[in-house]
Protein backbone atom coordinates (compact mmCIF):
# COMPACT_ATOMS: atom_id res chain seq x y z
CA UNK A 1 0.00 0.00 0.00
CA UNK A 2 1.18 3.54 -0.72
CA UNK A 3 2.33 5.59 2.23
CA UNK A 4 -0.12 8.48 2.42
CA UNK A 5 -1.93 10.06 5.37
CA UNK A 6 -5.68 9.81 5.80
CA UNK A 7 -6.11 13.40 4.61
CA UNK A 8 -3.87 12.84 1.59
CA UNK A 9 -5.90 9.73 0.80
CA UNK A 10 -9.11 11.74 0.87
CA UNK A 11 -7.67 14.30 -1.54
CA UNK A 12 -6.56 11.49 -3.86
CA UNK A 13 -9.99 9.83 -3.62
CA UNK A 14 -11.71 13.14 -4.39
CA UNK A 15 -9.50 13.80 -7.42
CA UNK A 16 -10.10 10.26 -8.69
CA UNK A 17 -13.88 10.38 -8.21
CA UNK A 18 -14.25 13.91 -9.58
CA UNK A 19 -12.31 12.92 -12.69
CA UNK A 20 -14.38 9.78 -13.16
CA UNK A 21 -17.72 11.61 -12.78
CA UNK A 22 -16.87 14.78 -14.73
CA UNK A 23 -14.49 13.32 -17.34
CA UNK A 24 -11.88 15.93 -16.44
CA UNK A 25 -9.73 16.54 -13.38
CA UNK A 26 -10.79 19.05 -10.75
CA UNK A 27 -9.43 22.58 -10.56
CA UNK A 28 -7.87 23.57 -7.25
CA UNK A 29 -11.01 25.68 -6.64
CA UNK A 30 -13.18 22.53 -6.87
CA UNK A 31 -11.01 20.81 -4.28
CA UNK A 32 -11.14 23.92 -2.10
CA UNK A 33 -14.94 23.97 -2.15
CA UNK A 34 -15.26 20.27 -1.36
CA UNK A 35 -12.88 20.28 1.60
CA UNK A 36 -13.77 23.82 2.73
CA UNK A 37 -10.16 24.93 3.02
CA UNK A 38 -8.16 27.90 1.78
CA UNK A 39 -6.48 28.09 -1.64
CA UNK A 40 -2.97 27.89 -0.13
CA UNK A 41 -3.96 24.73 1.77
CA UNK A 42 -5.13 23.03 -1.42
CA UNK A 43 -2.10 24.13 -3.38
CA UNK A 44 0.30 22.88 -0.68
CA UNK A 45 -1.48 19.50 -0.63
CA UNK A 46 -1.24 19.25 -4.43
CA UNK A 47 2.49 20.00 -4.24
CA UNK A 48 2.93 17.40 -1.49
CA UNK A 49 1.03 14.72 -3.44
CA UNK A 50 3.10 15.50 -6.51
CA UNK A 51 6.37 15.40 -4.56
CA UNK A 52 5.45 12.00 -3.10
CA UNK A 53 4.72 10.66 -6.59
CA UNK A 54 0.98 10.10 -6.12
CA UNK A 55 -0.07 12.57 -8.83
CA UNK A 56 1.34 14.30 -11.87
CA UNK A 57 0.35 17.74 -13.13
CA UNK A 58 1.45 20.50 -15.45
CA UNK A 59 2.34 23.57 -13.34
CA UNK A 60 0.38 26.77 -14.04
CA UNK A 61 -2.11 24.89 -16.21
CA UNK A 62 -5.64 24.21 -14.98
CA UNK A 63 -7.16 20.75 -14.67
CA UNK A 64 -4.06 18.70 -15.40
CA UNK A 65 -3.92 16.57 -12.23
CA UNK A 66 -3.50 12.86 -12.98
CA UNK A 67 -3.58 10.15 -10.31
CA UNK A 68 -0.61 7.79 -10.65
CA UNK A 69 -1.95 5.09 -8.30
CA UNK A 70 -4.26 2.25 -9.31
CA UNK A 71 -7.85 2.84 -8.12
CA UNK A 72 -7.76 -0.21 -5.83
CA UNK A 73 -5.03 1.48 -3.75
CA UNK A 74 -7.18 4.56 -3.09
CA UNK A 75 -9.40 4.85 -0.01
CA UNK A 76 -13.13 5.43 -0.20
CA UNK A 77 -14.15 9.09 -0.27
CA UNK A 78 -15.85 10.06 2.99
């Protein structure tokens, strides 16, 4: 199993489910609304997930987050 915290797992699960439902990845604003956190909080989490190798994205380009883990390794979204 990947080594992510519960909160990181929820972010990953949200990104995965949002992408599956909407056929495009979420913007940071979508993540912010869902988790009810500030923009810097979301951005720092995205950077952390990218640094740990859980996601890939294109910096300064909207909606480019891609989950690099298989779906069966992601937790359920609470």
